[in-house]
Amino acid sequence: MINHGHTDRSGRPVTLHAVDADNWRAVADCAPRDDQRDWVPALAARYLVLSSREDTWNSLAVLAGGEVAGHIMWGRDEDGSHWIGGMLIDAAHQGTGIGRAAVHTLADWLAAREDGTAVRLSYAPENEVAAHLYTALGFRPTGAEEDGEVVAERERRSTSSG
């Protein structure tokens, strides 16, 4: 379990867990709102298949107060940087701060790893909600693009700020 003390707006702890025999079905069934389908798949199951079939990504279950609320994944690039990818918060849990807490938790955990450098992610330029969230969490556009998406980076920093 990864826990950096971040919570949703109601105070429930948001933690990240290995996808395992107890939670994989609930994670796979997480689905975004219909208006988000330009940026994420219809079900988190696609991310689970991607991380199980390729060596690049590691899937994690996002739990809020012990309840599966979504999926997030991470990977390590050849240059040593860590990437956050494949976040999908179930529509029933959106608007509660779970996505913010999940990204914050994973970014803090990745930055604290001994092998860590910068933490990066990418988002569609027209996804203003994602751009605002990531900027608020300290990610800054690098000027690079990955598959037509804006690459943003958060420099390695202390995880004591919250």
N, C-alpha and C. Protein backbone atom coordinates (compact mmCIF):
# COMPACT_ATOMS: atom_id res chain seq x y z
N MET A 1 0.84 -1.19 0.00
CA MET A 1 0.00 0.00 0.00
C MET A 1 0.88 1.24 0.00
N ILE A 2 0.48 2.22 -0.79
CA ILE A 2 1.16 3.51 -0.83
C ILE A 2 0.23 4.54 -0.20
N ASN A 3 0.71 5.17 0.84
CA ASN A 3 -0.09 6.15 1.57
C ASN A 3 0.80 7.31 1.97
N HIS A 4 0.50 8.48 1.44
CA HIS A 4 1.25 9.68 1.80
C HIS A 4 0.38 10.67 2.56
N GLY A 5 -0.72 10.18 3.12
CA GLY A 5 -1.56 11.02 3.96
C GLY A 5 -2.52 11.93 3.23
N HIS A 6 -2.69 11.75 1.93
CA HIS A 6 -3.61 12.60 1.17
C HIS A 6 -5.03 12.04 1.29
N THR A 7 -5.99 12.94 1.30
CA THR A 7 -7.39 12.56 1.47
C THR A 7 -8.25 13.18 0.40
N ASP A 8 -9.48 12.65 0.26
CA ASP A 8 -10.44 13.30 -0.62
C ASP A 8 -11.09 14.45 0.15
N ARG A 9 -12.03 15.13 -0.46
CA ARG A 9 -12.63 16.31 0.17
C ARG A 9 -13.43 16.00 1.43
N SER A 10 -13.87 14.75 1.57
CA SER A 10 -14.63 14.39 2.77
C SER A 10 -13.72 13.84 3.88
N GLY A 11 -12.42 13.81 3.62
CA GLY A 11 -11.48 13.35 4.63
C GLY A 11 -11.12 11.88 4.58
N ARG A 12 -11.67 11.16 3.60
CA ARG A 12 -11.32 9.74 3.48
C ARG A 12 -9.88 9.61 2.96
N PRO A 13 -9.09 8.72 3.55
CA PRO A 13 -7.73 8.52 3.04
C PRO A 13 -7.77 7.92 1.64
N VAL A 14 -6.93 8.47 0.77
CA VAL A 14 -6.78 7.93 -0.59
C VAL A 14 -5.45 7.21 -0.63
N THR A 15 -5.50 5.91 -0.89
CA THR A 15 -4.32 5.06 -0.90
C THR A 15 -4.26 4.30 -2.22
N LEU A 16 -3.05 3.87 -2.54
CA LEU A 16 -2.82 3.12 -3.77
C LEU A 16 -2.37 1.72 -3.39
N HIS A 17 -2.93 0.72 -4.09
CA HIS A 17 -2.69 -0.68 -3.75
C HIS A 17 -2.35 -1.47 -5.00
N ALA A 18 -1.60 -2.55 -4.81
CA ALA A 18 -1.38 -3.48 -5.92
C ALA A 18 -2.73 -3.99 -6.39
N VAL A 19 -2.84 -4.20 -7.68
CA VAL A 19 -4.05 -4.83 -8.22
C VAL A 19 -3.86 -6.32 -8.00
N ASP A 20 -4.81 -6.92 -7.26
CA ASP A 20 -4.65 -8.31 -6.86
C ASP A 20 -5.96 -9.08 -7.00
N ALA A 21 -5.97 -10.30 -6.52
CA ALA A 21 -7.14 -11.18 -6.64
C ALA A 21 -8.37 -10.61 -5.94
N ASP A 22 -8.17 -9.78 -4.94
CA ASP A 22 -9.30 -9.23 -4.20
C ASP A 22 -9.93 -7.99 -4.84
N ASN A 23 -9.14 -7.24 -5.64
CA ASN A 23 -9.68 -5.98 -6.14
C ASN A 23 -9.70 -5.81 -7.65
N TRP A 24 -9.14 -6.76 -8.40
CA TRP A 24 -8.97 -6.53 -9.83
C TRP A 24 -10.29 -6.34 -10.57
N ARG A 25 -11.33 -7.04 -10.17
CA ARG A 25 -12.62 -6.88 -10.87
C ARG A 25 -13.20 -5.50 -10.64
N ALA A 26 -13.12 -5.02 -9.41
CA ALA A 26 -13.64 -3.68 -9.12
C ALA A 26 -12.84 -2.62 -9.87
N VAL A 27 -11.52 -2.80 -9.96
CA VAL A 27 -10.69 -1.86 -10.71
C VAL A 27 -11.06 -1.92 -12.20
N ALA A 28 -11.15 -3.13 -12.74
CA ALA A 28 -11.46 -3.30 -14.17
C ALA A 28 -12.79 -2.67 -14.55
N ASP A 29 -13.74 -2.68 -13.65
CA ASP A 29 -15.08 -2.14 -13.93
C ASP A 29 -15.18 -0.62 -13.78
N CYS A 30 -14.14 0.04 -13.30
CA CYS A 30 -14.20 1.50 -13.17
C CYS A 30 -14.37 2.13 -14.55
N ALA A 31 -15.31 3.05 -14.64
CA ALA A 31 -15.62 3.70 -15.92
C ALA A 31 -15.72 5.21 -15.72
N PRO A 32 -15.19 5.98 -16.66
CA PRO A 32 -15.25 7.44 -16.57
C PRO A 32 -16.64 7.96 -16.95
N ARG A 33 -16.80 9.26 -16.82
CA ARG A 33 -18.01 9.89 -17.37
C ARG A 33 -17.91 9.84 -18.90
N ASP A 34 -19.05 9.86 -19.56
CA ASP A 34 -19.06 9.78 -21.03
C ASP A 34 -18.28 10.92 -21.68
N ASP A 35 -18.30 12.12 -21.09
CA ASP A 35 -17.61 13.26 -21.69
C ASP A 35 -16.09 13.17 -21.56
N GLN A 36 -15.57 12.16 -20.88
CA GLN A 36 -14.13 11.98 -20.73
C GLN A 36 -13.57 10.91 -21.67
N ARG A 37 -14.41 10.34 -22.48
CA ARG A 37 -14.00 9.23 -23.34
C ARG A 37 -12.99 9.62 -24.41
N ASP A 38 -12.81 10.92 -24.67
CA ASP A 38 -11.77 11.34 -25.61
C ASP A 38 -10.37 11.15 -25.01
N TRP A 39 -10.30 11.04 -23.67
CA TRP A 39 -9.00 11.00 -23.00
C TRP A 39 -8.70 9.70 -22.28
N VAL A 40 -9.69 8.94 -21.95
CA VAL A 40 -9.48 7.67 -21.25
C VAL A 40 -10.39 6.60 -21.86
N PRO A 41 -10.04 5.33 -21.66
CA PRO A 41 -10.87 4.26 -22.22
C PRO A 41 -12.20 4.13 -21.49
N ALA A 42 -13.10 3.33 -22.06
CA ALA A 42 -14.43 3.12 -21.48
C ALA A 42 -14.37 2.40 -20.14
N LEU A 43 -13.37 1.58 -19.95
CA LEU A 43 -13.20 0.85 -18.69
C LEU A 43 -11.71 0.80 -18.34
N ALA A 44 -11.41 0.77 -17.04
CA ALA A 44 -10.02 0.65 -16.60
C ALA A 44 -9.42 -0.70 -16.99
N ALA A 45 -10.26 -1.65 -17.38
CA ALA A 45 -9.77 -2.96 -17.81
C ALA A 45 -8.72 -2.83 -18.90
N ARG A 46 -8.85 -1.84 -19.77
CA ARG A 46 -7.86 -1.65 -20.84
C ARG A 46 -6.48 -1.37 -20.25
N TYR A 47 -6.42 -0.55 -19.21
CA TYR A 47 -5.15 -0.26 -18.56
C TYR A 47 -4.57 -1.51 -17.89
N LEU A 48 -5.44 -2.33 -17.31
CA LEU A 48 -4.96 -3.55 -16.67
C LEU A 48 -4.34 -4.49 -17.70
N VAL A 49 -4.97 -4.60 -18.86
CA VAL A 49 -4.42 -5.44 -19.92
C VAL A 49 -3.09 -4.86 -20.41
N LEU A 50 -3.03 -3.56 -20.59
CA LEU A 50 -1.80 -2.91 -21.04
C LEU A 50 -0.65 -3.19 -20.08
N SER A 51 -0.90 -3.03 -18.78
CA SER A 51 0.19 -3.24 -17.82
C SER A 51 0.55 -4.72 -17.66
N SER A 52 -0.38 -5.61 -17.96
CA SER A 52 -0.05 -7.04 -17.86
C SER A 52 0.65 -7.56 -19.11
N ARG A 53 0.50 -6.89 -20.24
CA ARG A 53 1.06 -7.37 -21.50
C ARG A 53 2.36 -6.68 -21.89
N GLU A 54 2.65 -5.54 -21.27
CA GLU A 54 3.88 -4.80 -21.58
C GLU A 54 4.65 -4.57 -20.30
N ASP A 55 5.95 -4.44 -20.41
CA ASP A 55 6.80 -4.25 -19.24
C ASP A 55 6.89 -2.78 -18.80
N THR A 56 6.27 -1.89 -19.50
CA THR A 56 6.42 -0.46 -19.24
C THR A 56 5.66 0.01 -18.01
N TRP A 57 4.41 -0.44 -17.86
CA TRP A 57 3.51 0.14 -16.86
C TRP A 57 3.21 -0.80 -15.71
N ASN A 58 2.98 -0.20 -14.55
CA ASN A 58 2.60 -0.91 -13.32
C ASN A 58 1.27 -0.35 -12.84
N SER A 59 0.24 -1.17 -12.82
CA SER A 59 -1.09 -0.72 -12.42
C SER A 59 -1.25 -0.71 -10.90
N LEU A 60 -2.01 0.27 -10.43
CA LEU A 60 -2.36 0.38 -9.02
C LEU A 60 -3.85 0.67 -8.89
N ALA A 61 -4.45 0.10 -7.87
CA ALA A 61 -5.85 0.41 -7.54
C ALA A 61 -5.87 1.67 -6.69
N VAL A 62 -6.80 2.56 -6.98
CA VAL A 62 -7.00 3.76 -6.18
C VAL A 62 -8.16 3.48 -5.23
N LEU A 63 -7.90 3.57 -3.93
CA LEU A 63 -8.95 3.34 -2.93
C LEU A 63 -9.19 4.62 -2.15
N ALA A 64 -10.44 4.89 -1.88
CA ALA A 64 -10.84 6.01 -1.03
C ALA A 64 -11.60 5.43 0.14
N GLY A 65 -11.05 5.57 1.33
CA GLY A 65 -11.69 5.00 2.50
C GLY A 65 -11.89 3.51 2.40
N GLY A 66 -11.00 2.81 1.72
CA GLY A 66 -11.10 1.36 1.59
C GLY A 66 -11.93 0.88 0.42
N GLU A 67 -12.55 1.78 -0.33
CA GLU A 67 -13.40 1.42 -1.47
C GLU A 67 -12.66 1.71 -2.78
N VAL A 68 -12.67 0.75 -3.71
CA VAL A 68 -12.03 0.97 -5.01
C VAL A 68 -12.77 2.11 -5.72
N ALA A 69 -11.98 3.10 -6.12
CA ALA A 69 -12.54 4.27 -6.79
C ALA A 69 -11.92 4.51 -8.16
N GLY A 70 -10.84 3.78 -8.49
CA GLY A 70 -10.22 4.02 -9.78
C GLY A 70 -8.94 3.26 -9.98
N HIS A 71 -8.19 3.70 -10.98
CA HIS A 71 -6.95 3.08 -11.44
C HIS A 71 -5.95 4.17 -11.74
N ILE A 72 -4.68 3.88 -11.48
CA ILE A 72 -3.58 4.76 -11.90
C ILE A 72 -2.38 3.86 -12.15
N MET A 73 -1.51 4.26 -13.06
CA MET A 73 -0.33 3.43 -13.31
C MET A 73 0.90 4.30 -13.41
N TRP A 74 2.04 3.63 -13.25
CA TRP A 74 3.32 4.34 -13.31
C TRP A 74 4.34 3.48 -14.06
N GLY A 75 5.36 4.16 -14.57
CA GLY A 75 6.44 3.48 -15.27
C GLY A 75 7.73 4.27 -15.11
N ARG A 76 8.82 3.63 -15.50
CA ARG A 76 10.13 4.27 -15.45
C ARG A 76 10.70 4.32 -16.85
N ASP A 77 11.10 5.51 -17.28
CA ASP A 77 11.64 5.71 -18.62
C ASP A 77 13.13 5.36 -18.64
N GLU A 78 13.66 5.23 -19.85
CA GLU A 78 15.07 4.88 -20.03
C GLU A 78 16.00 5.92 -19.40
N ASP A 79 15.56 7.18 -19.33
CA ASP A 79 16.41 8.23 -18.75
C ASP A 79 16.33 8.28 -17.22
N GLY A 80 15.58 7.36 -16.62
CA GLY A 80 15.47 7.31 -15.17
C GLY A 80 14.27 8.04 -14.61
N SER A 81 13.61 8.83 -15.43
CA SER A 81 12.44 9.56 -14.95
C SER A 81 11.28 8.59 -14.74
N HIS A 82 10.40 8.97 -13.86
CA HIS A 82 9.19 8.19 -13.62
C HIS A 82 8.01 8.89 -14.28
N TRP A 83 7.09 8.08 -14.77
CA TRP A 83 5.90 8.60 -15.45
C TRP A 83 4.64 8.13 -14.72
N ILE A 84 3.68 9.01 -14.66
CA ILE A 84 2.34 8.66 -14.19
C ILE A 84 1.46 8.58 -15.44
N GLY A 85 0.68 7.54 -15.55
CA GLY A 85 -0.18 7.38 -16.71
C GLY A 85 -1.44 6.63 -16.33
N GLY A 86 -2.36 6.58 -17.23
CA GLY A 86 -3.54 5.74 -17.09
C GLY A 86 -4.36 5.96 -15.84
N MET A 87 -4.63 7.22 -15.50
CA MET A 87 -5.51 7.44 -14.36
C MET A 87 -6.95 7.50 -14.84
N LEU A 88 -7.79 6.75 -14.16
CA LEU A 88 -9.21 6.74 -14.44
C LEU A 88 -9.93 6.64 -13.10
N ILE A 89 -10.69 7.67 -12.76
CA ILE A 89 -11.51 7.64 -11.54
C ILE A 89 -12.94 7.35 -11.98
N ASP A 90 -13.54 6.37 -11.33
CA ASP A 90 -14.90 5.97 -11.67
C ASP A 90 -15.84 7.17 -11.58
N ALA A 91 -16.77 7.26 -12.51
CA ALA A 91 -17.70 8.40 -12.59
C ALA A 91 -18.41 8.65 -11.26
N ALA A 92 -18.76 7.61 -10.55
CA ALA A 92 -19.48 7.76 -9.28
C ALA A 92 -18.63 8.43 -8.20
N HIS A 93 -17.31 8.46 -8.39
CA HIS A 93 -16.41 9.03 -7.39
C HIS A 93 -15.78 10.34 -7.82
N GLN A 94 -16.15 10.85 -8.99
CA GLN A 94 -15.52 12.06 -9.48
C GLN A 94 -16.06 13.31 -8.78
N GLY A 95 -15.22 14.32 -8.77
CA GLY A 95 -15.60 15.58 -8.15
C GLY A 95 -15.41 15.59 -6.64
N THR A 96 -14.74 14.58 -6.12
CA THR A 96 -14.56 14.47 -4.67
C THR A 96 -13.11 14.65 -4.24
N GLY A 97 -12.21 14.90 -5.17
CA GLY A 97 -10.80 15.09 -4.83
C GLY A 97 -9.98 13.82 -4.83
N ILE A 98 -10.58 12.70 -5.24
CA ILE A 98 -9.85 11.43 -5.25
C ILE A 98 -8.74 11.45 -6.30
N GLY A 99 -9.02 11.96 -7.49
CA GLY A 99 -8.01 12.02 -8.53
C GLY A 99 -6.83 12.87 -8.11
N ARG A 100 -7.10 14.02 -7.54
CA ARG A 100 -6.03 14.91 -7.05
C ARG A 100 -5.18 14.18 -6.02
N ALA A 101 -5.83 13.54 -5.05
CA ALA A 101 -5.09 12.84 -3.99
C ALA A 101 -4.30 11.67 -4.55
N ALA A 102 -4.85 10.97 -5.55
CA ALA A 102 -4.15 9.83 -6.15
C ALA A 102 -2.88 10.28 -6.87
N VAL A 103 -2.98 11.34 -7.68
CA VAL A 103 -1.80 11.84 -8.39
C VAL A 103 -0.77 12.35 -7.39
N HIS A 104 -1.23 13.09 -6.40
CA HIS A 104 -0.33 13.63 -5.37
C HIS A 104 0.40 12.48 -4.65
N THR A 105 -0.34 11.46 -4.27
CA THR A 105 0.23 10.31 -3.57
C THR A 105 1.27 9.61 -4.43
N LEU A 106 0.92 9.32 -5.68
CA LEU A 106 1.85 8.61 -6.55
C LEU A 106 3.07 9.47 -6.87
N ALA A 107 2.89 10.75 -7.14
CA ALA A 107 4.02 11.63 -7.44
C ALA A 107 4.96 11.72 -6.24
N ASP A 108 4.41 11.83 -5.04
CA ASP A 108 5.25 11.87 -3.84
C ASP A 108 6.03 10.58 -3.68
N TRP A 109 5.35 9.45 -3.88
CA TRP A 109 6.00 8.15 -3.73
C TRP A 109 7.12 7.97 -4.76
N LEU A 110 6.85 8.32 -6.01
CA LEU A 110 7.86 8.18 -7.06
C LEU A 110 9.04 9.09 -6.80
N ALA A 111 8.79 10.33 -6.38
CA ALA A 111 9.87 11.28 -6.12
C ALA A 111 10.74 10.83 -4.95
N ALA A 112 10.18 10.11 -4.01
CA ALA A 112 10.92 9.68 -2.83
C ALA A 112 11.77 8.44 -3.08
N ARG A 113 11.55 7.76 -4.21
CA ARG A 113 12.31 6.54 -4.51
C ARG A 113 13.77 6.91 -4.76
N GLU A 114 14.68 6.06 -4.34
CA GLU A 114 16.10 6.33 -4.51
C GLU A 114 16.49 6.46 -5.98
N ASP A 115 15.80 5.73 -6.84
CA ASP A 115 16.11 5.77 -8.27
C ASP A 115 15.37 6.89 -8.99
N GLY A 116 14.69 7.73 -8.25
CA GLY A 116 13.83 8.74 -8.85
C GLY A 116 14.57 9.97 -9.32
N THR A 117 14.06 10.55 -10.35
CA THR A 117 14.49 11.87 -10.81
C THR A 117 13.21 12.67 -10.86
N ALA A 118 12.95 13.26 -11.98
CA ALA A 118 11.70 13.99 -12.15
C ALA A 118 10.54 13.02 -12.32
N VAL A 119 9.34 13.50 -12.04
CA VAL A 119 8.12 12.74 -12.28
C VAL A 119 7.40 13.44 -13.43
N ARG A 120 7.02 12.67 -14.45
CA ARG A 120 6.38 13.24 -15.63
C ARG A 120 5.03 12.59 -15.87
N LEU A 121 4.22 13.29 -16.63
CA LEU A 121 2.95 12.76 -17.11
C LEU A 121 2.60 13.52 -18.37
N SER A 122 1.57 13.09 -19.05
CA SER A 122 1.14 13.81 -20.24
C SER A 122 -0.38 13.88 -20.27
N TYR A 123 -0.88 14.87 -20.97
CA TYR A 123 -2.32 15.07 -21.08
C TYR A 123 -2.64 15.75 -22.40
N ALA A 124 -3.86 15.53 -22.88
CA ALA A 124 -4.31 16.14 -24.13
C ALA A 124 -4.39 17.66 -23.93
N PRO A 125 -3.89 18.45 -24.88
CA PRO A 125 -3.89 19.90 -24.72
C PRO A 125 -5.28 20.49 -24.49
N GLU A 126 -6.30 19.85 -25.03
CA GLU A 126 -7.67 20.36 -24.86
C GLU A 126 -8.32 19.92 -23.56
N ASN A 127 -7.65 19.09 -22.78
CA ASN A 127 -8.18 18.61 -21.50
C ASN A 127 -7.82 19.63 -20.42
N GLU A 128 -8.61 20.69 -20.34
CA GLU A 128 -8.33 21.80 -19.42
C GLU A 128 -8.43 21.39 -17.96
N VAL A 129 -9.31 20.45 -17.65
CA VAL A 129 -9.44 19.99 -16.27
C VAL A 129 -8.14 19.31 -15.82
N ALA A 130 -7.59 18.45 -16.66
CA ALA A 130 -6.33 17.78 -16.34
C ALA A 130 -5.20 18.80 -16.23
N ALA A 131 -5.12 19.74 -17.16
CA ALA A 131 -4.06 20.76 -17.13
C ALA A 131 -4.12 21.54 -15.82
N HIS A 132 -5.30 21.92 -15.40
CA HIS A 132 -5.46 22.68 -14.15
C HIS A 132 -5.03 21.84 -12.95
N LEU A 133 -5.48 20.59 -12.90
CA LEU A 133 -5.12 19.70 -11.80
C LEU A 133 -3.62 19.52 -11.70
N TYR A 134 -2.98 19.18 -12.81
CA TYR A 134 -1.55 18.90 -12.79
C TYR A 134 -0.74 20.14 -12.46
N THR A 135 -1.15 21.30 -12.96
CA THR A 135 -0.47 22.54 -12.62
C THR A 135 -0.58 22.82 -11.13
N ALA A 136 -1.76 22.61 -10.56
CA ALA A 136 -1.97 22.83 -9.13
C ALA A 136 -1.10 21.90 -8.28
N LEU A 137 -0.73 20.74 -8.83
CA LEU A 137 0.11 19.79 -8.10
C LEU A 137 1.60 19.98 -8.38
N GLY A 138 1.95 21.05 -9.10
CA GLY A 138 3.35 21.37 -9.32
C GLY A 138 3.96 20.85 -10.60
N PHE A 139 3.16 20.30 -11.49
CA PHE A 139 3.66 19.85 -12.79
C PHE A 139 3.70 21.03 -13.75
N ARG A 140 4.79 21.15 -14.48
CA ARG A 140 4.95 22.25 -15.44
C ARG A 140 5.23 21.67 -16.82
N PRO A 141 4.59 22.21 -17.87
CA PRO A 141 4.86 21.74 -19.23
C PRO A 141 6.35 21.88 -19.56
N THR A 142 6.88 20.87 -20.22
CA THR A 142 8.31 20.86 -20.58
C THR A 142 8.56 21.44 -21.96
N GLY A 143 7.50 21.59 -22.75
CA GLY A 143 7.66 22.00 -24.14
C GLY A 143 7.70 20.81 -25.09
N ALA A 144 7.83 19.61 -24.52
CA ALA A 144 7.84 18.39 -25.33
C ALA A 144 6.42 17.86 -25.48
N GLU A 145 6.25 17.03 -26.49
CA GLU A 145 4.99 16.34 -26.72
C GLU A 145 5.24 14.84 -26.80
N GLU A 146 4.25 14.07 -26.38
CA GLU A 146 4.29 12.61 -26.47
C GLU A 146 2.96 12.17 -27.05
N ASP A 147 2.98 11.63 -28.26
CA ASP A 147 1.76 11.19 -28.93
C ASP A 147 0.71 12.30 -28.99
N GLY A 148 1.15 13.53 -29.27
CA GLY A 148 0.24 14.66 -29.38
C GLY A 148 -0.21 15.25 -28.05
N GLU A 149 0.34 14.75 -26.95
CA GLU A 149 -0.03 15.25 -25.63
C GLU A 149 1.07 16.13 -25.04
N VAL A 150 0.66 17.05 -24.18
CA VAL A 150 1.59 17.92 -23.47
C VAL A 150 2.31 17.09 -22.42
N VAL A 151 3.64 17.16 -22.39
CA VAL A 151 4.42 16.50 -21.35
C VAL A 151 4.67 17.52 -20.25
N ALA A 152 4.34 17.15 -19.03
CA ALA A 152 4.56 18.02 -17.87
C ALA A 152 5.42 17.27 -16.87
N GLU A 153 6.17 18.03 -16.08
CA GLU A 153 7.14 17.44 -15.17
C GLU A 153 7.08 18.14 -13.81
N ARG A 154 7.23 17.35 -12.78
CA ARG A 154 7.38 17.89 -11.43
C ARG A 154 8.76 17.48 -10.96
N GLU A 155 9.58 18.47 -10.65
CA GLU A 155 10.93 18.19 -10.18
C GLU A 155 10.88 17.41 -8.88
N ARG A 156 11.89 16.61 -8.67
CA ARG A 156 12.00 15.86 -7.42
C ARG A 156 12.09 16.86 -6.29
N ARG A 157 11.28 16.63 -5.25
CA ARG A 157 11.26 17.54 -4.11
C ARG A 157 10.95 16.76 -2.86
N SER A 158 11.01 17.41 -1.76
CA SER A 158 10.67 16.79 -0.49
C SER A 158 9.20 16.45 -0.48
N THR A 159 8.85 15.33 0.14
CA THR A 159 7.46 14.92 0.21
C THR A 159 6.80 15.35 1.51
N SER A 160 7.47 16.18 2.30
CA SER A 160 6.91 16.59 3.58
C SER A 160 5.81 17.63 3.44
N SER A 161 5.78 18.35 2.30
CA SER A 161 4.70 19.31 2.10
C SER A 161 3.47 18.57 1.62
N GLY A 162 2.32 19.05 2.00
CA GLY A 162 1.21 18.24 1.78
C GLY A 162 0.14 18.46 0.93
